[in-house]
Protein backbone atom coordinates (compact mmCIF):
# COMPACT_ATOMS: atom_id res chain seq x y z
CA MET A 1 30.08 -30.37 -4.68
CA LYS A 2 28.94 -28.89 -1.36
CA ILE A 3 26.58 -25.91 -1.23
CA ALA A 4 25.84 -23.54 1.64
CA ILE A 5 22.77 -21.31 1.39
CA ILE A 6 22.66 -18.26 3.66
CA GLY A 7 19.05 -17.49 4.52
CA SER A 8 16.19 -20.01 4.66
CA GLY A 9 13.19 -17.82 3.91
CA TYR A 10 10.99 -17.48 0.84
CA VAL A 11 14.06 -17.54 -1.44
CA GLY A 12 16.55 -19.74 0.39
CA LEU A 13 14.27 -22.63 1.32
CA PRO A 14 13.10 -23.56 -2.22
CA LEU A 15 16.72 -23.32 -3.41
CA SER A 16 17.88 -25.60 -0.59
CA ILE A 17 15.19 -28.15 -1.37
CA ALA A 18 15.90 -28.09 -5.11
CA PHE A 19 19.69 -28.37 -4.85
CA SER A 20 19.51 -31.10 -2.19
CA LYS A 21 18.29 -33.49 -4.91
CA TYR A 22 21.77 -33.31 -6.46
CA TYR A 23 24.22 -32.01 -3.83
CA SER A 24 24.87 -31.89 -0.10
CA VAL A 25 23.29 -28.64 1.11
CA ILE A 26 23.72 -26.67 4.34
CA ALA A 27 20.82 -24.25 4.82
CA TYR A 28 21.81 -21.56 7.33
CA ASP A 29 19.61 -19.01 9.08
CA ILE A 30 20.20 -16.78 12.10
CA ASN A 31 16.56 -17.22 13.17
CA GLN A 32 16.85 -20.18 15.53
CA LYS A 33 13.09 -20.71 15.72
CA ARG A 34 12.95 -20.89 11.94
CA VAL A 35 15.69 -23.52 11.96
CA LYS A 36 14.01 -25.56 14.71
CA ASP A 37 10.75 -25.52 12.73
CA LEU A 38 12.47 -26.59 9.51
CA LEU A 39 14.24 -29.44 11.32
CA LYS A 40 10.73 -30.71 12.13
CA GLY A 41 9.59 -30.19 8.54
CA ILE A 42 7.52 -27.10 9.35
CA ASP A 43 7.56 -24.12 6.98
CA SER A 44 5.91 -21.16 8.74
CA ASN A 45 5.65 -19.45 5.34
CA GLN A 46 3.34 -22.29 4.29
CA GLN A 47 5.01 -22.76 0.91
CA HIS A 48 6.53 -26.24 1.32
CA ARG A 49 5.31 -29.54 2.72
CA LYS A 50 7.05 -31.63 5.35
CA LYS A 51 8.19 -34.34 2.94
CA GLU A 52 9.86 -31.71 0.73
CA ILE A 53 11.78 -30.20 3.63
CA LEU A 54 13.07 -33.35 5.30
CA LYS A 55 15.61 -34.39 2.67
CA LYS A 56 18.60 -36.63 3.41
CA LYS A 57 21.14 -34.28 1.83
CA LEU A 58 19.68 -31.13 3.42
CA ILE A 59 20.86 -29.84 6.79
CA PHE A 60 19.33 -26.81 8.55
CA THR A 61 21.48 -24.96 11.02
CA SER A 62 22.27 -21.73 12.89
CA ASN A 63 25.80 -22.96 13.56
CA LYS A 64 28.33 -20.90 11.56
CA ASN A 65 31.00 -23.58 11.95
CA LEU A 66 29.04 -25.94 9.70
CA LEU A 67 29.42 -23.46 6.83
CA LYS A 68 33.14 -24.12 6.43
CA ASP A 69 34.60 -26.12 3.55
CA ASN A 70 31.78 -25.56 1.06
CA ASP A 71 32.39 -24.97 -2.64
CA ILE A 72 29.39 -22.73 -3.38
CA TYR A 73 27.81 -20.09 -1.13
CA ILE A 74 24.44 -18.65 -2.15
CA ILE A 75 23.31 -15.53 -0.28
CA THR A 76 19.53 -15.05 -0.14
CA VAL A 77 19.10 -12.65 2.79
CA PRO A 78 16.40 -9.92 2.73
CA THR A 79 17.23 -6.43 1.50
CA PRO A 80 14.55 -4.16 3.01
CA ILE A 81 14.41 -0.38 3.27
CA LYS A 82 14.84 1.88 6.29
CA SER A 83 12.17 4.22 7.60
CA ASN A 84 13.61 6.98 5.37
CA ASN A 85 13.22 4.72 2.29
CA GLN A 86 16.97 4.23 1.95
CA PRO A 87 18.38 0.73 1.31
CA ASP A 88 18.97 -1.30 4.46
CA LEU A 89 22.03 -3.38 3.59
CA ASN A 90 22.76 -4.59 7.10
CA MET A 91 21.75 -8.22 6.49
CA LEU A 92 23.66 -8.26 3.20
CA LYS A 93 26.67 -6.83 5.04
CA GLN A 94 26.53 -9.45 7.79
CA ALA A 95 26.15 -12.26 5.25
CA SER A 96 29.14 -10.99 3.25
CA ILE A 97 31.28 -10.77 6.39
CA LEU A 98 30.18 -14.24 7.47
CA VAL A 99 31.15 -15.75 4.12
CA GLY A 100 34.39 -13.76 4.06
CA LYS A 101 35.45 -15.31 7.37
CA ILE A 102 34.90 -18.91 6.28
CA ILE A 103 35.52 -19.30 2.53
CA LYS A 104 38.43 -21.25 1.16
CA LYS A 105 40.34 -20.61 -2.07
CA ASN A 106 38.40 -21.04 -5.32
CA ALA A 107 35.04 -20.75 -3.60
CA CYS A 108 32.18 -19.24 -5.59
CA ILE A 109 29.71 -16.85 -3.96
CA ILE A 110 26.36 -16.29 -5.66
CA PHE A 111 24.15 -13.40 -4.57
CA GLU A 112 20.39 -13.70 -5.07
CA SER A 113 19.28 -10.82 -2.82
CA THR A 114 17.67 -7.98 -4.75
CA THR A 115 19.74 -4.81 -4.77
CA TYR A 116 20.87 -1.90 -6.95
CA PRO A 117 23.29 -2.24 -9.89
CA GLY A 118 26.83 -2.11 -8.54
CA CYS A 119 26.05 -3.23 -5.01
CA THR A 120 27.59 -6.69 -5.32
CA GLU A 121 30.97 -5.43 -6.56
CA GLU A 122 31.09 -2.12 -4.71
CA PHE A 123 29.66 -3.16 -1.34
CA CYS A 124 29.73 -6.96 -0.90
CA VAL A 125 32.97 -7.97 -2.62
CA PRO A 126 35.19 -5.54 -0.62
CA LEU A 127 33.77 -7.00 2.61
CA ILE A 128 34.51 -10.56 1.49
CA GLN A 129 38.05 -9.56 0.47
CA LYS A 130 38.67 -7.79 3.77
CA PHE A 131 37.60 -10.67 6.01
CA SER A 132 38.92 -13.53 3.86
CA LYS A 133 42.26 -11.96 2.94
CA LEU A 134 41.62 -13.45 -0.50
CA LYS A 135 41.61 -11.64 -3.83
CA PHE A 136 38.46 -11.29 -5.95
CA GLU A 137 38.56 -13.09 -9.33
CA LYS A 138 41.83 -14.77 -8.35
CA ASP A 139 41.17 -16.60 -5.06
CA PHE A 140 37.36 -16.45 -5.01
CA PHE A 141 34.66 -15.79 -7.60
CA VAL A 142 31.30 -14.06 -7.53
CA ALA A 143 28.10 -14.28 -9.58
CA TYR A 144 24.68 -12.69 -9.32
CA SER A 145 21.49 -14.65 -10.02
CA PRO A 146 18.44 -12.65 -8.93
CA GLU A 147 15.59 -14.44 -7.18
CA ARG A 148 12.21 -14.59 -8.88
CA VAL A 149 10.12 -16.00 -6.06
CA ASN A 150 6.42 -15.15 -6.09
CA PRO A 151 4.90 -16.41 -2.80
CA GLY A 152 1.59 -18.16 -3.27
CA ASP A 153 2.15 -18.68 -7.01
CA LYS A 154 1.98 -22.42 -7.72
CA ALA A 155 2.75 -22.07 -11.44
CA ASN A 156 5.88 -19.88 -11.53
CA VAL A 157 7.90 -21.91 -9.07
CA LEU A 158 11.68 -22.26 -9.15
CA LYS A 159 11.81 -25.20 -11.57
CA ASN A 160 9.58 -23.41 -14.11
CA ILE A 161 11.20 -19.98 -14.27
CA VAL A 162 13.90 -18.53 -16.49
CA LYS A 163 16.90 -17.93 -14.20
CA ILE A 164 19.19 -14.99 -14.94
CA VAL A 165 22.88 -15.57 -14.25
CA GLY A 166 25.52 -12.85 -14.42
CA ALA A 167 29.28 -12.98 -13.78
CA ASN A 168 32.29 -10.98 -14.92
CA ASP A 169 34.42 -13.93 -16.06
CA LYS A 170 33.50 -16.71 -18.46
CA ASN A 171 34.49 -19.65 -16.25
CA THR A 172 32.33 -18.49 -13.33
CA LEU A 173 29.46 -17.75 -15.70
CA LEU A 174 29.53 -21.25 -17.18
CA LYS A 175 29.95 -22.89 -13.78
CA VAL A 176 26.96 -21.08 -12.28
CA LYS A 177 24.89 -21.62 -15.41
CA SER A 178 25.53 -25.37 -15.17
CA LEU A 179 24.57 -25.30 -11.48
CA TYR A 180 21.20 -23.63 -12.01
CA LYS A 181 20.46 -25.72 -15.09
CA LYS A 182 19.98 -28.61 -12.65
CA ILE A 183 17.00 -26.98 -10.97
CA CYS A 184 15.51 -24.44 -13.42
CA ARG A 185 13.73 -24.84 -16.75
CA SER A 186 15.95 -22.30 -18.47
CA VAL A 187 19.00 -20.17 -17.68
CA TYR A 188 19.60 -16.80 -19.32
CA ILE A 189 23.20 -15.61 -19.07
CA VAL A 190 24.42 -12.01 -19.07
CA ASN A 191 28.04 -11.02 -19.29
CA ASN A 192 28.41 -9.03 -16.11
CA ILE A 193 26.96 -8.71 -12.64
CA LYS A 194 25.59 -5.17 -13.02
CA VAL A 195 23.34 -6.20 -15.94
CA ALA A 196 21.85 -9.01 -13.85
CA GLU A 197 21.30 -6.63 -10.91
CA GLY A 198 19.69 -4.06 -13.20
CA ALA A 199 17.38 -6.62 -14.80
CA LYS A 200 16.08 -7.73 -11.43
CA VAL A 201 15.40 -4.30 -10.02
CA ILE A 202 13.50 -3.03 -13.07
CA GLU A 203 11.21 -6.10 -13.21
CA ASN A 204 9.44 -4.86 -10.11
CA ILE A 205 9.72 -1.16 -10.94
CA GLN A 206 7.86 -1.75 -14.21
CA ARG A 207 5.06 -3.49 -12.32
CA ASP A 208 4.99 -0.77 -9.68
CA LEU A 209 4.57 1.94 -12.31
CA ASN A 210 1.84 0.07 -14.18
CA ILE A 211 -0.13 -0.42 -10.97
CA ALA A 212 0.42 3.25 -10.09
CA LEU A 213 -1.15 4.20 -13.43
CA VAL A 214 -4.30 2.16 -12.84
CA ASN A 215 -4.46 3.38 -9.23
CA GLU A 216 -4.45 6.96 -10.48
CA LEU A 217 -7.09 6.08 -13.07
CA SER A 218 -9.17 4.46 -10.34
CA ILE A 219 -9.11 7.66 -8.28
CA LEU A 220 -10.14 9.68 -11.34
CA PHE A 221 -12.91 7.30 -12.41
CA ASN A 222 -14.26 7.30 -8.86
CA LYS A 223 -14.63 11.07 -9.08
CA LEU A 224 -16.33 10.64 -12.46
CA ASN A 225 -18.64 7.97 -10.99
CA ILE A 226 -17.41 5.37 -13.50
CA PRO A 227 -16.60 1.80 -12.39
CA THR A 228 -12.87 1.33 -12.95
CA ASN A 229 -13.11 -2.43 -13.30
CA GLU A 230 -15.59 -2.13 -16.17
CA VAL A 231 -13.34 0.37 -17.96
CA LEU A 232 -10.31 -1.91 -17.61
CA LYS A 233 -12.20 -4.95 -18.88
CA ALA A 234 -13.41 -3.00 -21.90
CA ALA A 235 -9.93 -1.64 -22.67
CA ASN A 236 -8.50 -5.14 -22.33
CA THR A 237 -10.32 -6.20 -25.49
CA LYS A 238 -7.61 -4.36 -27.48
CA TRP A 239 -4.81 -6.74 -28.48
CA ASN A 240 -1.94 -4.64 -27.10
CA PHE A 241 -3.53 -3.39 -23.87
CA HIS A 242 -1.73 -4.61 -20.72
CA TYR A 243 -4.20 -5.44 -17.99
CA TYR A 244 -3.31 -4.38 -14.45
CA LYS A 245 -5.66 -4.06 -11.50
CA PRO A 246 -5.61 -1.21 -8.98
CA GLY A 247 -4.77 -2.06 -5.39
CA LEU A 248 -2.45 -1.78 -2.41
CA VAL A 249 1.18 -2.45 -3.31
CA GLY A 250 3.10 -3.90 -0.39
CA GLY A 251 5.49 -6.77 0.11
CA HIS A 252 9.23 -7.17 -0.04
CA CYS A 253 9.76 -6.56 -3.76
CA ILE A 254 7.53 -4.14 -5.67
CA SER A 255 7.26 -1.64 -2.81
CA VAL A 256 11.02 -1.74 -2.11
CA ASP A 257 12.97 -2.08 -5.36
CA PRO A 258 12.22 1.41 -6.74
CA TYR A 259 13.99 2.93 -3.74
CA TYR A 260 17.08 0.80 -4.38
CA LEU A 261 17.47 1.97 -7.96
CA ALA A 262 16.67 5.57 -6.98
CA HIS A 263 19.41 5.38 -4.31
CA GLN A 264 22.03 4.44 -6.87
CA ALA A 265 20.71 6.99 -9.37
CA LYS A 266 21.07 9.82 -6.87
CA LYS A 267 24.66 8.78 -6.16
CA LYS A 268 25.27 9.48 -9.86
CA LYS A 269 23.45 12.83 -9.53
CA PHE A 270 20.47 11.60 -11.52
CA PHE A 271 17.13 12.21 -9.84
CA PRO A 272 14.43 9.87 -11.19
CA LYS A 273 11.00 11.47 -11.45
CA LEU A 274 8.71 8.80 -12.87
CA ILE A 275 9.99 5.92 -10.69
CA LEU A 276 9.48 7.79 -7.42
CA SER A 277 6.26 9.45 -8.53
CA GLY A 278 4.69 6.03 -9.11
CA ARG A 279 5.95 4.84 -5.74
CA ARG A 280 4.50 7.87 -3.93
CA LEU A 281 1.11 7.30 -5.51
CA ASN A 282 1.07 3.62 -4.57
CA GLU A 283 2.18 4.48 -1.03
CA SER A 284 -0.92 6.68 -0.69
CA MET A 285 -3.52 4.06 -1.61
CA GLY A 286 -4.03 2.61 1.87
CA LYS A 287 -4.95 6.02 3.19
CA TYR A 288 -7.17 6.59 0.15
CA VAL A 289 -9.17 3.41 0.88
CA ALA A 290 -9.56 4.47 4.50
CA MET A 291 -10.71 7.94 3.45
CA GLN A 292 -13.41 6.43 1.23
CA THR A 293 -14.56 4.30 4.16
CA VAL A 294 -14.79 7.35 6.39
CA LYS A 295 -16.64 9.24 3.67
CA LEU A 296 -19.30 6.51 3.46
CA LEU A 297 -19.68 6.43 7.25
CA LYS A 298 -20.16 10.19 7.24
CA ASN A 299 -22.58 10.17 4.30
CA ASN A 300 -24.70 7.60 6.09
CA SER A 301 -24.79 9.68 9.29
CA LEU A 302 -22.88 7.13 11.35
CA ASP A 303 -21.14 8.41 14.48
CA PHE A 304 -17.38 7.75 14.24
CA ASN A 305 -17.07 7.27 18.00
CA LYS A 306 -19.74 4.56 17.96
CA SER A 307 -18.82 2.94 14.65
CA ARG A 308 -17.06 -0.39 14.33
CA VAL A 309 -15.24 -1.56 11.21
CA ALA A 310 -14.21 -5.09 10.26
CA VAL A 311 -10.95 -5.23 8.29
CA LEU A 312 -10.58 -8.52 6.45
CA GLY A 313 -6.94 -9.33 5.81
CA PHE A 314 -3.56 -8.12 7.04
CA ALA A 315 -1.06 -9.98 4.84
CA PHE A 316 0.29 -7.97 1.93
CA LYS A 317 -1.06 -10.55 -0.54
CA ASP A 318 -3.80 -13.16 -0.93
CA ASN A 319 -3.42 -16.62 0.62
CA ILE A 320 0.04 -16.18 2.14
CA PRO A 321 1.19 -15.24 5.68
CA ASP A 322 3.71 -12.58 4.56
CA ILE A 323 3.19 -9.25 6.33
CA ARG A 324 6.27 -7.41 5.07
CA ASN A 325 5.41 -3.83 4.09
CA THR A 326 1.69 -4.56 4.25
CA LYS A 327 -0.28 -1.45 3.34
CA VAL A 328 -3.25 -2.57 5.43
CA ILE A 329 -1.52 -0.79 8.28
CA GLN A 330 -2.16 2.54 6.51
CA ILE A 331 -5.90 1.86 6.60
CA LEU A 332 -5.78 1.06 10.30
CA GLU A 333 -3.70 4.12 11.15
CA TYR A 334 -6.20 6.42 9.43
CA LEU A 335 -9.20 4.79 11.11
CA ARG A 336 -7.45 5.14 14.46
CA LYS A 337 -6.77 8.80 13.73
CA LYS A 338 -10.52 9.29 13.25
CA ASN A 339 -11.28 7.44 16.52
CA ILE A 340 -13.02 4.65 14.63
CA LYS A 341 -12.82 1.25 16.32
CA PHE A 342 -11.83 -1.71 14.18
CA ASP A 343 -11.27 -5.45 14.33
CA VAL A 344 -8.74 -7.12 12.05
CA PHE A 345 -9.32 -10.70 10.88
CA ASP A 346 -6.71 -12.87 9.19
CA SER A 347 -6.23 -16.58 9.81
CA TRP A 348 -3.10 -16.75 7.63
CA VAL A 349 -0.71 -14.42 9.45
CA SER A 350 1.24 -14.96 12.67
CA LYS A 351 -0.66 -13.07 15.37
CA GLU A 352 2.48 -12.88 17.53
CA GLN A 353 4.55 -11.41 14.70
CA VAL A 354 1.89 -8.80 13.82
CA LYS A 355 1.55 -7.76 17.46
CA LYS A 356 5.31 -7.48 17.85
CA GLU A 357 5.98 -5.56 14.63
CA TYR A 358 2.81 -3.49 14.21
CA LYS A 359 1.15 -3.45 17.68
CA ILE A 360 -2.06 -4.75 16.08
CA ILE A 361 -4.27 -7.50 17.49
CA ILE A 362 -5.29 -10.05 14.85
CA LYS A 363 -8.30 -12.34 15.22
CA ASP A 364 -9.16 -15.53 13.39
CA PHE A 365 -11.99 -15.18 10.88
CA LYS A 366 -14.18 -17.56 12.90
CA TYR A 367 -14.65 -14.75 15.45
CA PHE A 368 -16.06 -12.45 12.77
CA LYS A 369 -19.47 -14.11 13.10
CA LYS A 370 -19.75 -13.10 16.75
CA ASN A 371 -19.88 -9.37 15.97
CA LYS A 372 -21.91 -6.70 14.19
CA PHE A 373 -20.30 -3.90 12.21
CA ASP A 374 -21.05 -0.61 10.51
CA ALA A 375 -18.53 -1.22 7.71
CA ILE A 376 -16.62 -4.17 6.31
CA ILE A 377 -13.38 -3.60 4.39
CA LEU A 378 -12.38 -6.64 2.32
CA VAL A 379 -8.71 -5.81 1.72
CA VAL A 380 -7.03 -9.14 1.09
CA SER A 381 -8.78 -11.74 -1.04
CA HIS A 382 -7.96 -14.82 1.01
CA LYS A 383 -10.12 -17.72 -0.20
CA LEU A 384 -11.70 -17.86 3.24
CA PHE A 385 -13.11 -14.34 2.77
CA LEU A 386 -14.67 -14.88 -0.66
CA LYS A 387 -18.17 -15.57 0.60
CA LYS A 388 -21.43 -14.66 -1.05
CA LEU A 389 -22.56 -11.11 -0.29
CA SER A 390 -25.61 -12.51 1.50
CA PHE A 391 -23.21 -13.98 4.07
CA TYR A 392 -21.78 -10.54 4.91
CA SER A 393 -25.22 -8.95 5.00
CA LYS A 394 -25.97 -10.75 8.27
CA PHE A 395 -23.25 -8.98 10.24
CA TYR A 396 -24.28 -5.33 10.10
CA LYS A 397 -25.75 -3.27 12.92
CA ASN A 398 -28.16 -1.54 10.56
CA ASN A 399 -29.52 -3.42 7.53
CA ASN A 400 -30.17 -0.12 5.74
CA LYS A 401 -26.63 1.17 6.19
CA LYS A 402 -24.38 -1.68 5.10
CA ILE A 403 -21.04 -0.19 4.08
CA PHE A 404 -18.87 -2.61 2.11
CA ILE A 405 -15.40 -1.69 0.82
CA ASP A 406 -14.35 -4.13 -1.90
CA VAL A 407 -10.71 -3.19 -2.43
CA LYS A 408 -9.99 -5.83 -5.08
CA ASN A 409 -13.28 -5.70 -6.97
CA ASN A 410 -14.28 -9.23 -6.02
CA TYR A 411 -17.99 -8.58 -6.50
CA SER A 412 -20.08 -7.23 -9.34
CA ILE A 413 -21.80 -3.89 -8.99
CA LYS A 414 -25.06 -5.64 -9.83
CA ASP A 415 -24.71 -7.95 -6.82
CA LEU A 416 -23.63 -5.15 -4.51
CA ASN A 417 -26.72 -3.15 -5.44
CA LYS A 418 -28.95 -6.20 -5.27
CA ASN A 419 -27.82 -6.84 -1.67
CA ASN A 420 -28.42 -3.19 -0.74
CA PHE A 421 -24.79 -2.31 0.05
CA LYS A 422 -23.36 1.19 0.29
CA TYR A 423 -20.11 0.28 -1.40
CA PHE A 424 -16.76 1.44 -2.69
CA GLN A 425 -14.44 -0.34 -5.10
CA LEU A 426 -11.00 0.61 -6.39
């Protein structure tokens, strides 16, 4: 059996590596630099080692011609949102057209890209039929097996997860189940594609709403002068309490998926209130953190025009280089609006990519020590940033006005007070 995987990012690369143990795999990506790096065994996402990537049965390419004559095609392209929060299906469209132009009879196409229920059959399949001149469920077959990649998570990797598989006909379902059984601990089958699509999209919506709840509680407890983290730890002693931490919700999944389901809901003239309300609240948290920083600067009589703020972290998540939908940008935009100068430090992310996409200059953390600041915002808990508070104390302009914003509650209130910080925690 020959497998072609369309997309070699966070989802496609681990699939390619896993399947190459059993089958010949062509890993395709339109990003030529990405392909050149992978051919050298370099993963810019820093998730896989060289010896994992350089497998004998694994070929990386940007050449469409090499995709012909495969039995299985797995589509793992990103599904982002547009600036108006509507689904951006362009990459899914191009991948479907690409596969439609090259598939042979009896080929099976598996979609892993996150999308709304109905998208595979209503949007992707017609494109494949149009460009292949083949008939769905007669000449080619389709399944949906949603990705469950969690970048930076070393425990819930591909081989350890439960893999959902959905198809509309029994033969395809069993075939795809058998395929994924080779590389995953467990396979859970559902009897149609829409169920599998729906399961995927609500996984992240549930998480988004739970985080929105604790974010709202954090704002309230701040007004009540009660430490949110202490309240959550106390509540967590009850057997059925679900512990979530407040924070910035970015990335390619949680901050995107609610808009996909809402898009489909509105097409059916159903207007979801709770889903979008939670998303709006989470979208506001970057600005909220920045506002608290500004408030502390003001309360300590620090001149905005002369103040300098260190922002620690730009990635959307700890210990990974992924900057997709990072909410750190909201903090920076608000500081800029207030004419407050800032320096951003993050040794994980690609400085070139951040400059190109966000027009922000990123510095390595080693340069932090060469400066003095009025405020330090610890946004992303990269291991490199988790120093003792006494370390950070040395890099303030005024030892009596040390403003420290601990977004992820890394430090105890006792230690913050002991080190004489003017602080804020979510």
